[in-house]
Amino acid sequence: MNSTTKLLEFRPGVWTALIADLRNRGNGCRESGAFLLGNIVNGIRVAQTWLPYDELDPLSLNYEYIRLRSEAFSKLWEICEQHHMQVVADVHTHPRGPGQSPSDRANPMIGLAGHMALIIPRFAQGNVTPADVSVNVYLGAKRWESHFGQQAVVLIKLPSGEI
């Protein structure tokens, strides 16, 4: 694990509601996703809420993969500024496992080194735990560091009793 990789902590209720929202938006048959909004506190990314891709760009889920038009990013930055938050990570679902697709690797949602992208398997169906997802940290120049299973658990902190 890279020494600059920051922990991602979820405020109470956020993980459970996020997974349910992604499950509903994808309806078990298509990818869905969101930006996780919050702040970085003492070097820890704290996810306080999320902003679904299709609320930023209603056409984003109309393709085989998630695609955001440039106007969506203008809206995203405006919302972050209004609420004094920043993007702490992004998350999207995949039909099968949590591995990155070639498109994911080539097109980070935020192209800054250190950005974190989570992938939720099985379109978020069933009980999804941090051990099920991948935590992918963008290193720049189309390079990523990916964490699965126990490594992902170490990077994702949920409130006590939440899953």
N, C-alpha and C. Protein backbone atom coordinates (compact mmCIF):
# COMPACT_ATOMS: atom_id res chain seq x y z
N MET A 1 0.85 -1.17 0.00
CA MET A 1 0.00 0.00 0.00
C MET A 1 0.89 1.24 0.00
N ASN A 2 0.58 2.18 -0.84
CA ASN A 2 1.31 3.43 -0.95
C ASN A 2 1.17 4.22 0.34
N SER A 3 2.25 4.79 0.82
CA SER A 3 2.21 5.52 2.10
C SER A 3 1.36 6.78 2.02
N THR A 4 1.03 7.25 0.80
CA THR A 4 0.20 8.44 0.68
C THR A 4 -1.29 8.10 0.57
N THR A 5 -1.64 6.82 0.51
CA THR A 5 -3.04 6.42 0.41
C THR A 5 -3.75 6.77 1.71
N LYS A 6 -4.84 7.54 1.58
CA LYS A 6 -5.58 8.00 2.75
C LYS A 6 -6.76 7.08 3.04
N LEU A 7 -7.07 6.94 4.30
CA LEU A 7 -8.24 6.20 4.75
C LEU A 7 -9.50 6.91 4.27
N LEU A 8 -10.54 6.14 3.93
CA LEU A 8 -11.85 6.69 3.57
C LEU A 8 -12.83 6.29 4.66
N GLU A 9 -13.32 7.28 5.38
CA GLU A 9 -14.24 7.05 6.49
C GLU A 9 -15.64 7.51 6.08
N PHE A 10 -16.64 6.70 6.40
CA PHE A 10 -18.03 7.04 6.10
C PHE A 10 -18.75 7.48 7.36
N ARG A 11 -19.46 8.59 7.29
CA ARG A 11 -20.29 9.05 8.40
C ARG A 11 -21.44 8.05 8.60
N PRO A 12 -22.02 8.03 9.80
CA PRO A 12 -23.11 7.08 10.08
C PRO A 12 -24.23 7.16 9.04
N GLY A 13 -24.65 6.00 8.57
CA GLY A 13 -25.75 5.89 7.63
C GLY A 13 -25.39 6.07 6.17
N VAL A 14 -24.23 6.65 5.88
CA VAL A 14 -23.89 6.97 4.49
C VAL A 14 -23.63 5.71 3.67
N TRP A 15 -22.83 4.77 4.18
CA TRP A 15 -22.51 3.55 3.42
C TRP A 15 -23.78 2.78 3.06
N THR A 16 -24.61 2.51 4.04
CA THR A 16 -25.82 1.71 3.84
C THR A 16 -26.76 2.39 2.84
N ALA A 17 -26.97 3.69 3.00
CA ALA A 17 -27.87 4.42 2.10
C ALA A 17 -27.27 4.54 0.70
N LEU A 18 -25.97 4.74 0.61
CA LEU A 18 -25.29 4.82 -0.69
C LEU A 18 -25.46 3.52 -1.47
N ILE A 19 -25.19 2.39 -0.83
CA ILE A 19 -25.30 1.09 -1.50
C ILE A 19 -26.74 0.86 -1.97
N ALA A 20 -27.71 1.19 -1.12
CA ALA A 20 -29.13 1.04 -1.50
C ALA A 20 -29.47 1.94 -2.69
N ASP A 21 -28.95 3.15 -2.68
CA ASP A 21 -29.22 4.09 -3.78
C ASP A 21 -28.61 3.59 -5.09
N LEU A 22 -27.37 3.13 -5.05
CA LEU A 22 -26.74 2.60 -6.26
C LEU A 22 -27.50 1.38 -6.78
N ARG A 23 -27.92 0.51 -5.86
CA ARG A 23 -28.69 -0.69 -6.22
C ARG A 23 -29.98 -0.27 -6.95
N ASN A 24 -30.70 0.71 -6.38
CA ASN A 24 -31.96 1.15 -6.97
C ASN A 24 -31.76 1.83 -8.32
N ARG A 25 -30.76 2.68 -8.42
CA ARG A 25 -30.52 3.41 -9.67
C ARG A 25 -30.11 2.47 -10.80
N GLY A 26 -29.35 1.43 -10.48
CA GLY A 26 -28.92 0.47 -11.50
C GLY A 26 -29.94 -0.59 -11.79
N ASN A 27 -30.91 -0.77 -10.88
CA ASN A 27 -32.00 -1.71 -11.07
C ASN A 27 -31.52 -3.12 -11.42
N GLY A 28 -30.33 -3.49 -10.93
CA GLY A 28 -29.83 -4.84 -11.15
C GLY A 28 -29.39 -5.14 -12.57
N CYS A 29 -29.39 -4.12 -13.45
CA CYS A 29 -29.07 -4.41 -14.86
C CYS A 29 -28.14 -3.40 -15.52
N ARG A 30 -27.74 -2.35 -14.80
CA ARG A 30 -26.81 -1.39 -15.41
C ARG A 30 -25.95 -0.74 -14.33
N GLU A 31 -24.83 -0.19 -14.78
CA GLU A 31 -23.93 0.50 -13.85
C GLU A 31 -24.59 1.78 -13.34
N SER A 32 -24.25 2.13 -12.11
CA SER A 32 -24.64 3.41 -11.53
C SER A 32 -23.45 3.89 -10.71
N GLY A 33 -23.45 5.17 -10.38
CA GLY A 33 -22.31 5.67 -9.63
C GLY A 33 -22.56 7.03 -9.04
N ALA A 34 -21.56 7.51 -8.28
CA ALA A 34 -21.70 8.78 -7.59
C ALA A 34 -20.33 9.31 -7.17
N PHE A 35 -20.29 10.60 -6.93
CA PHE A 35 -19.14 11.20 -6.28
C PHE A 35 -19.42 11.22 -4.79
N LEU A 36 -18.44 10.86 -3.99
CA LEU A 36 -18.55 10.95 -2.54
C LEU A 36 -18.04 12.32 -2.13
N LEU A 37 -18.88 13.05 -1.43
CA LEU A 37 -18.54 14.42 -1.02
C LEU A 37 -18.30 14.49 0.47
N GLY A 38 -17.38 15.31 0.86
CA GLY A 38 -17.06 15.50 2.28
C GLY A 38 -15.85 16.38 2.40
N ASN A 39 -14.98 16.04 3.32
CA ASN A 39 -13.76 16.81 3.56
C ASN A 39 -12.64 15.87 3.95
N ILE A 40 -11.43 16.38 3.87
CA ILE A 40 -10.28 15.63 4.37
C ILE A 40 -9.93 16.23 5.72
N VAL A 41 -10.03 15.39 6.76
CA VAL A 41 -9.81 15.83 8.14
C VAL A 41 -8.63 15.05 8.71
N ASN A 42 -7.59 15.75 9.11
CA ASN A 42 -6.39 15.10 9.66
C ASN A 42 -5.88 13.98 8.75
N GLY A 43 -5.90 14.22 7.45
CA GLY A 43 -5.40 13.24 6.50
C GLY A 43 -6.35 12.11 6.18
N ILE A 44 -7.57 12.14 6.71
CA ILE A 44 -8.57 11.10 6.45
C ILE A 44 -9.69 11.68 5.58
N ARG A 45 -10.02 10.97 4.51
CA ARG A 45 -11.15 11.37 3.66
C ARG A 45 -12.44 11.01 4.41
N VAL A 46 -13.31 11.98 4.64
CA VAL A 46 -14.55 11.73 5.37
C VAL A 46 -15.73 11.95 4.42
N ALA A 47 -16.40 10.85 4.04
CA ALA A 47 -17.56 10.92 3.15
C ALA A 47 -18.80 11.24 3.97
N GLN A 48 -19.39 12.40 3.67
CA GLN A 48 -20.58 12.85 4.39
C GLN A 48 -21.86 12.63 3.60
N THR A 49 -21.73 12.60 2.28
CA THR A 49 -22.89 12.41 1.41
C THR A 49 -22.39 11.98 0.03
N TRP A 50 -23.28 11.84 -0.91
CA TRP A 50 -22.89 11.47 -2.27
C TRP A 50 -23.76 12.22 -3.26
N LEU A 51 -23.25 12.35 -4.46
CA LEU A 51 -23.96 13.01 -5.54
C LEU A 51 -23.97 12.06 -6.73
N PRO A 52 -25.13 11.45 -7.02
CA PRO A 52 -25.21 10.47 -8.11
C PRO A 52 -24.89 11.08 -9.47
N TYR A 53 -24.22 10.29 -10.29
CA TYR A 53 -23.85 10.75 -11.63
C TYR A 53 -25.06 11.19 -12.44
N ASP A 54 -26.16 10.44 -12.34
CA ASP A 54 -27.32 10.77 -13.17
C ASP A 54 -28.05 12.03 -12.69
N GLU A 55 -27.75 12.52 -11.48
CA GLU A 55 -28.30 13.81 -11.06
C GLU A 55 -27.47 14.95 -11.64
N LEU A 56 -26.20 14.69 -11.89
CA LEU A 56 -25.34 15.69 -12.54
C LEU A 56 -25.54 15.70 -14.05
N ASP A 57 -25.78 14.53 -14.61
CA ASP A 57 -25.94 14.37 -16.06
C ASP A 57 -26.96 13.26 -16.30
N PRO A 58 -28.22 13.64 -16.60
CA PRO A 58 -29.27 12.63 -16.78
C PRO A 58 -28.96 11.58 -17.85
N LEU A 59 -28.06 11.87 -18.77
CA LEU A 59 -27.72 10.91 -19.82
C LEU A 59 -26.56 10.00 -19.44
N SER A 60 -26.00 10.18 -18.27
CA SER A 60 -24.77 9.46 -17.89
C SER A 60 -24.92 7.95 -17.84
N LEU A 61 -26.11 7.46 -17.59
CA LEU A 61 -26.32 6.01 -17.47
C LEU A 61 -26.94 5.39 -18.72
N ASN A 62 -27.01 6.16 -19.79
CA ASN A 62 -27.64 5.67 -21.02
C ASN A 62 -26.71 4.84 -21.90
N TYR A 63 -25.51 4.61 -21.45
CA TYR A 63 -24.51 3.91 -22.25
C TYR A 63 -24.14 2.60 -21.57
N GLU A 64 -23.34 1.82 -22.25
CA GLU A 64 -22.87 0.56 -21.68
C GLU A 64 -21.95 0.81 -20.48
N TYR A 65 -21.36 1.97 -20.43
CA TYR A 65 -20.47 2.39 -19.35
C TYR A 65 -20.93 3.78 -18.90
N ILE A 66 -20.49 4.22 -17.75
CA ILE A 66 -20.87 5.55 -17.26
C ILE A 66 -20.07 6.60 -18.02
N ARG A 67 -20.78 7.61 -18.47
CA ARG A 67 -20.14 8.70 -19.23
C ARG A 67 -20.71 10.03 -18.76
N LEU A 68 -19.84 10.90 -18.27
CA LEU A 68 -20.27 12.23 -17.83
C LEU A 68 -19.82 13.28 -18.84
N ARG A 69 -20.75 14.14 -19.22
CA ARG A 69 -20.39 15.25 -20.10
C ARG A 69 -19.74 16.36 -19.27
N SER A 70 -19.03 17.25 -19.91
CA SER A 70 -18.26 18.27 -19.20
C SER A 70 -19.12 19.17 -18.32
N GLU A 71 -20.37 19.43 -18.71
CA GLU A 71 -21.25 20.28 -17.90
C GLU A 71 -21.48 19.69 -16.51
N ALA A 72 -21.43 18.36 -16.42
CA ALA A 72 -21.64 17.70 -15.12
C ALA A 72 -20.57 18.12 -14.12
N PHE A 73 -19.35 18.30 -14.60
CA PHE A 73 -18.27 18.69 -13.70
C PHE A 73 -18.42 20.13 -13.23
N SER A 74 -18.94 21.00 -14.08
CA SER A 74 -19.22 22.38 -13.65
C SER A 74 -20.24 22.37 -12.52
N LYS A 75 -21.30 21.57 -12.67
CA LYS A 75 -22.31 21.45 -11.61
C LYS A 75 -21.70 20.88 -10.34
N LEU A 76 -20.86 19.85 -10.49
CA LEU A 76 -20.22 19.22 -9.34
C LEU A 76 -19.41 20.24 -8.54
N TRP A 77 -18.56 21.01 -9.22
CA TRP A 77 -17.71 21.98 -8.51
C TRP A 77 -18.56 23.07 -7.86
N GLU A 78 -19.65 23.47 -8.51
CA GLU A 78 -20.55 24.47 -7.93
C GLU A 78 -21.19 23.94 -6.65
N ILE A 79 -21.66 22.72 -6.67
CA ILE A 79 -22.28 22.11 -5.49
C ILE A 79 -21.26 21.97 -4.37
N CYS A 80 -20.06 21.54 -4.70
CA CYS A 80 -19.00 21.42 -3.68
C CYS A 80 -18.74 22.77 -3.03
N GLU A 81 -18.66 23.82 -3.84
CA GLU A 81 -18.40 25.15 -3.30
C GLU A 81 -19.55 25.62 -2.41
N GLN A 82 -20.79 25.43 -2.86
CA GLN A 82 -21.96 25.86 -2.08
C GLN A 82 -22.02 25.19 -0.72
N HIS A 83 -21.61 23.92 -0.64
CA HIS A 83 -21.73 23.15 0.60
C HIS A 83 -20.41 23.02 1.35
N HIS A 84 -19.39 23.73 0.88
CA HIS A 84 -18.07 23.70 1.53
C HIS A 84 -17.56 22.27 1.67
N MET A 85 -17.68 21.52 0.59
CA MET A 85 -17.21 20.13 0.55
C MET A 85 -16.29 19.96 -0.65
N GLN A 86 -15.69 18.79 -0.72
CA GLN A 86 -14.88 18.43 -1.87
C GLN A 86 -15.16 16.98 -2.23
N VAL A 87 -14.73 16.58 -3.40
CA VAL A 87 -14.85 15.18 -3.80
C VAL A 87 -13.78 14.41 -3.05
N VAL A 88 -14.19 13.44 -2.23
CA VAL A 88 -13.22 12.62 -1.49
C VAL A 88 -12.98 11.28 -2.18
N ALA A 89 -13.88 10.89 -3.09
CA ALA A 89 -13.73 9.65 -3.85
C ALA A 89 -14.88 9.58 -4.85
N ASP A 90 -14.82 8.60 -5.72
CA ASP A 90 -15.98 8.29 -6.55
C ASP A 90 -16.26 6.80 -6.41
N VAL A 91 -17.46 6.41 -6.79
CA VAL A 91 -17.88 5.02 -6.65
C VAL A 91 -18.79 4.66 -7.82
N HIS A 92 -18.63 3.45 -8.34
CA HIS A 92 -19.61 2.98 -9.32
C HIS A 92 -19.71 1.45 -9.24
N THR A 93 -20.76 0.94 -9.82
CA THR A 93 -21.02 -0.50 -9.78
C THR A 93 -20.55 -1.17 -11.06
N HIS A 94 -20.31 -2.47 -10.94
CA HIS A 94 -19.98 -3.32 -12.09
C HIS A 94 -20.92 -4.53 -12.06
N PRO A 95 -21.14 -5.18 -13.20
CA PRO A 95 -22.05 -6.33 -13.24
C PRO A 95 -21.52 -7.56 -12.50
N ARG A 96 -20.21 -7.76 -12.51
CA ARG A 96 -19.65 -8.95 -11.87
C ARG A 96 -18.72 -8.53 -10.74
N GLY A 97 -17.43 -8.73 -10.90
CA GLY A 97 -16.48 -8.45 -9.83
C GLY A 97 -16.11 -6.98 -9.73
N PRO A 98 -15.25 -6.67 -8.73
CA PRO A 98 -14.90 -5.27 -8.47
C PRO A 98 -13.66 -4.77 -9.22
N GLY A 99 -13.14 -5.55 -10.15
CA GLY A 99 -11.94 -5.10 -10.86
C GLY A 99 -12.23 -3.96 -11.82
N GLN A 100 -11.22 -3.14 -12.06
CA GLN A 100 -11.36 -2.03 -13.00
C GLN A 100 -11.42 -2.55 -14.44
N SER A 101 -12.25 -1.92 -15.24
CA SER A 101 -12.29 -2.21 -16.67
C SER A 101 -11.20 -1.39 -17.36
N PRO A 102 -10.86 -1.73 -18.60
CA PRO A 102 -9.91 -0.89 -19.35
C PRO A 102 -10.37 0.57 -19.42
N SER A 103 -11.68 0.78 -19.56
CA SER A 103 -12.23 2.14 -19.60
C SER A 103 -12.01 2.86 -18.27
N ASP A 104 -12.22 2.15 -17.16
CA ASP A 104 -11.98 2.75 -15.83
C ASP A 104 -10.53 3.19 -15.70
N ARG A 105 -9.62 2.31 -16.10
CA ARG A 105 -8.19 2.61 -15.97
C ARG A 105 -7.77 3.79 -16.85
N ALA A 106 -8.35 3.88 -18.03
CA ALA A 106 -7.97 4.93 -18.98
C ALA A 106 -8.63 6.27 -18.70
N ASN A 107 -9.74 6.25 -17.95
CA ASN A 107 -10.54 7.47 -17.77
C ASN A 107 -10.91 7.71 -16.31
N PRO A 108 -9.97 8.12 -15.48
CA PRO A 108 -10.34 8.40 -14.08
C PRO A 108 -11.37 9.53 -14.03
N MET A 109 -12.32 9.43 -13.11
CA MET A 109 -13.32 10.50 -12.97
C MET A 109 -12.65 11.81 -12.57
N ILE A 110 -11.67 11.73 -11.70
CA ILE A 110 -10.87 12.89 -11.30
C ILE A 110 -9.42 12.52 -11.60
N GLY A 111 -8.82 13.20 -12.54
CA GLY A 111 -7.49 12.83 -13.02
C GLY A 111 -6.34 13.39 -12.21
N LEU A 112 -6.49 13.43 -10.89
CA LEU A 112 -5.42 13.91 -10.01
C LEU A 112 -4.84 12.74 -9.23
N ALA A 113 -3.53 12.69 -9.15
CA ALA A 113 -2.88 11.63 -8.37
C ALA A 113 -3.41 11.67 -6.94
N GLY A 114 -3.71 10.49 -6.42
CA GLY A 114 -4.26 10.36 -5.07
C GLY A 114 -5.77 10.20 -5.04
N HIS A 115 -6.44 10.47 -6.19
CA HIS A 115 -7.90 10.31 -6.21
C HIS A 115 -8.26 8.84 -6.00
N MET A 116 -9.32 8.59 -5.24
CA MET A 116 -9.75 7.24 -4.89
C MET A 116 -11.06 6.90 -5.61
N ALA A 117 -11.10 5.72 -6.21
CA ALA A 117 -12.29 5.24 -6.91
C ALA A 117 -12.66 3.86 -6.39
N LEU A 118 -13.90 3.71 -5.92
CA LEU A 118 -14.39 2.42 -5.42
C LEU A 118 -15.22 1.76 -6.51
N ILE A 119 -15.11 0.44 -6.61
CA ILE A 119 -15.96 -0.32 -7.52
C ILE A 119 -16.73 -1.36 -6.71
N ILE A 120 -18.05 -1.32 -6.86
CA ILE A 120 -18.97 -2.20 -6.14
C ILE A 120 -19.40 -3.31 -7.11
N PRO A 121 -19.23 -4.59 -6.75
CA PRO A 121 -19.61 -5.67 -7.66
C PRO A 121 -21.12 -5.93 -7.68
N ARG A 122 -21.53 -6.74 -8.66
CA ARG A 122 -22.90 -7.27 -8.78
C ARG A 122 -23.97 -6.17 -8.74
N PHE A 123 -23.66 -5.02 -9.35
CA PHE A 123 -24.60 -3.90 -9.38
C PHE A 123 -25.13 -3.57 -7.98
N ALA A 124 -24.31 -3.78 -6.96
CA ALA A 124 -24.63 -3.48 -5.55
C ALA A 124 -25.77 -4.34 -5.01
N GLN A 125 -26.00 -5.50 -5.61
CA GLN A 125 -27.05 -6.41 -5.13
C GLN A 125 -26.55 -7.15 -3.89
N GLY A 126 -27.44 -7.45 -2.98
CA GLY A 126 -27.09 -8.20 -1.77
C GLY A 126 -26.43 -7.31 -0.73
N ASN A 127 -25.86 -7.94 0.27
CA ASN A 127 -25.20 -7.22 1.36
C ASN A 127 -23.75 -6.92 0.95
N VAL A 128 -23.45 -5.68 0.66
CA VAL A 128 -22.12 -5.28 0.20
C VAL A 128 -21.30 -4.78 1.38
N THR A 129 -20.14 -5.39 1.57
CA THR A 129 -19.23 -4.98 2.63
C THR A 129 -17.96 -4.41 2.00
N PRO A 130 -17.14 -3.70 2.76
CA PRO A 130 -15.87 -3.21 2.21
C PRO A 130 -14.99 -4.32 1.63
N ALA A 131 -15.08 -5.54 2.15
CA ALA A 131 -14.28 -6.65 1.62
C ALA A 131 -14.70 -7.03 0.20
N ASP A 132 -15.90 -6.65 -0.22
CA ASP A 132 -16.40 -6.98 -1.55
C ASP A 132 -15.94 -6.02 -2.63
N VAL A 133 -15.55 -4.82 -2.26
CA VAL A 133 -15.27 -3.77 -3.23
C VAL A 133 -13.78 -3.68 -3.55
N SER A 134 -13.47 -2.92 -4.57
CA SER A 134 -12.06 -2.57 -4.80
C SER A 134 -11.89 -1.09 -4.49
N VAL A 135 -10.73 -0.77 -3.93
CA VAL A 135 -10.34 0.61 -3.68
C VAL A 135 -9.17 0.87 -4.63
N ASN A 136 -9.38 1.80 -5.55
CA ASN A 136 -8.40 2.06 -6.60
C ASN A 136 -7.91 3.50 -6.46
N VAL A 137 -6.62 3.65 -6.29
CA VAL A 137 -6.02 4.96 -6.08
C VAL A 137 -5.25 5.36 -7.34
N TYR A 138 -5.62 6.50 -7.88
CA TYR A 138 -4.99 6.98 -9.11
C TYR A 138 -3.60 7.52 -8.80
N LEU A 139 -2.60 7.04 -9.53
CA LEU A 139 -1.21 7.45 -9.32
C LEU A 139 -0.76 8.49 -10.35
N GLY A 140 -1.59 8.73 -11.36
CA GLY A 140 -1.23 9.62 -12.45
C GLY A 140 -0.74 8.81 -13.64
N ALA A 141 -0.71 9.45 -14.81
CA ALA A 141 -0.20 8.83 -16.04
C ALA A 141 -0.86 7.48 -16.33
N LYS A 142 -2.18 7.38 -16.09
CA LYS A 142 -2.97 6.15 -16.36
C LYS A 142 -2.54 4.96 -15.49
N ARG A 143 -1.88 5.23 -14.37
CA ARG A 143 -1.45 4.16 -13.47
C ARG A 143 -2.31 4.18 -12.20
N TRP A 144 -2.60 3.00 -11.69
CA TRP A 144 -3.46 2.84 -10.52
C TRP A 144 -2.82 1.87 -9.53
N GLU A 145 -3.21 2.02 -8.29
CA GLU A 145 -2.88 1.05 -7.24
C GLU A 145 -4.23 0.51 -6.75
N SER A 146 -4.45 -0.79 -6.85
CA SER A 146 -5.75 -1.38 -6.51
C SER A 146 -5.65 -2.26 -5.28
N HIS A 147 -6.69 -2.18 -4.46
CA HIS A 147 -6.76 -2.94 -3.20
C HIS A 147 -8.07 -3.72 -3.16
N PHE A 148 -7.97 -4.99 -2.80
CA PHE A 148 -9.13 -5.89 -2.76
C PHE A 148 -9.18 -6.59 -1.40
N GLY A 149 -10.35 -7.12 -1.07
CA GLY A 149 -10.49 -7.95 0.13
C GLY A 149 -10.03 -7.23 1.38
N GLN A 150 -9.14 -7.87 2.12
CA GLN A 150 -8.68 -7.31 3.40
C GLN A 150 -7.97 -5.98 3.22
N GLN A 151 -7.27 -5.80 2.11
CA GLN A 151 -6.62 -4.50 1.85
C GLN A 151 -7.67 -3.39 1.72
N ALA A 152 -8.79 -3.68 1.08
CA ALA A 152 -9.87 -2.70 0.96
C ALA A 152 -10.49 -2.41 2.31
N VAL A 153 -10.65 -3.45 3.13
CA VAL A 153 -11.22 -3.29 4.47
C VAL A 153 -10.38 -2.32 5.30
N VAL A 154 -9.06 -2.41 5.16
CA VAL A 154 -8.15 -1.54 5.92
C VAL A 154 -8.33 -0.08 5.51
N LEU A 155 -8.71 0.17 4.26
CA LEU A 155 -8.82 1.54 3.75
C LEU A 155 -10.20 2.16 3.92
N ILE A 156 -11.22 1.34 4.17
CA ILE A 156 -12.59 1.84 4.31
C ILE A 156 -13.03 1.68 5.75
N LYS A 157 -13.37 2.79 6.39
CA LYS A 157 -13.80 2.74 7.78
C LYS A 157 -15.29 3.08 7.86
N LEU A 158 -16.06 2.10 8.36
CA LEU A 158 -17.49 2.30 8.57
C LEU A 158 -17.76 2.48 10.06
N PRO A 159 -18.85 3.18 10.40
CA PRO A 159 -19.21 3.30 11.82
C PRO A 159 -19.49 1.92 12.41
N SER A 160 -19.28 1.79 13.67
CA SER A 160 -19.51 0.54 14.39
C SER A 160 -20.90 -0.01 14.11
N GLY A 161 -20.98 -1.28 13.74
CA GLY A 161 -22.26 -1.95 13.53
C GLY A 161 -22.93 -1.66 12.20
N GLU A 162 -22.31 -0.88 11.34
CA GLU A 162 -22.96 -0.56 10.06
C GLU A 162 -22.49 -1.49 8.96
N ILE A 163 -23.37 -2.28 8.45
CA ILE A 163 -23.21 -3.09 7.23
C ILE A 163 -24.50 -3.82 7.01
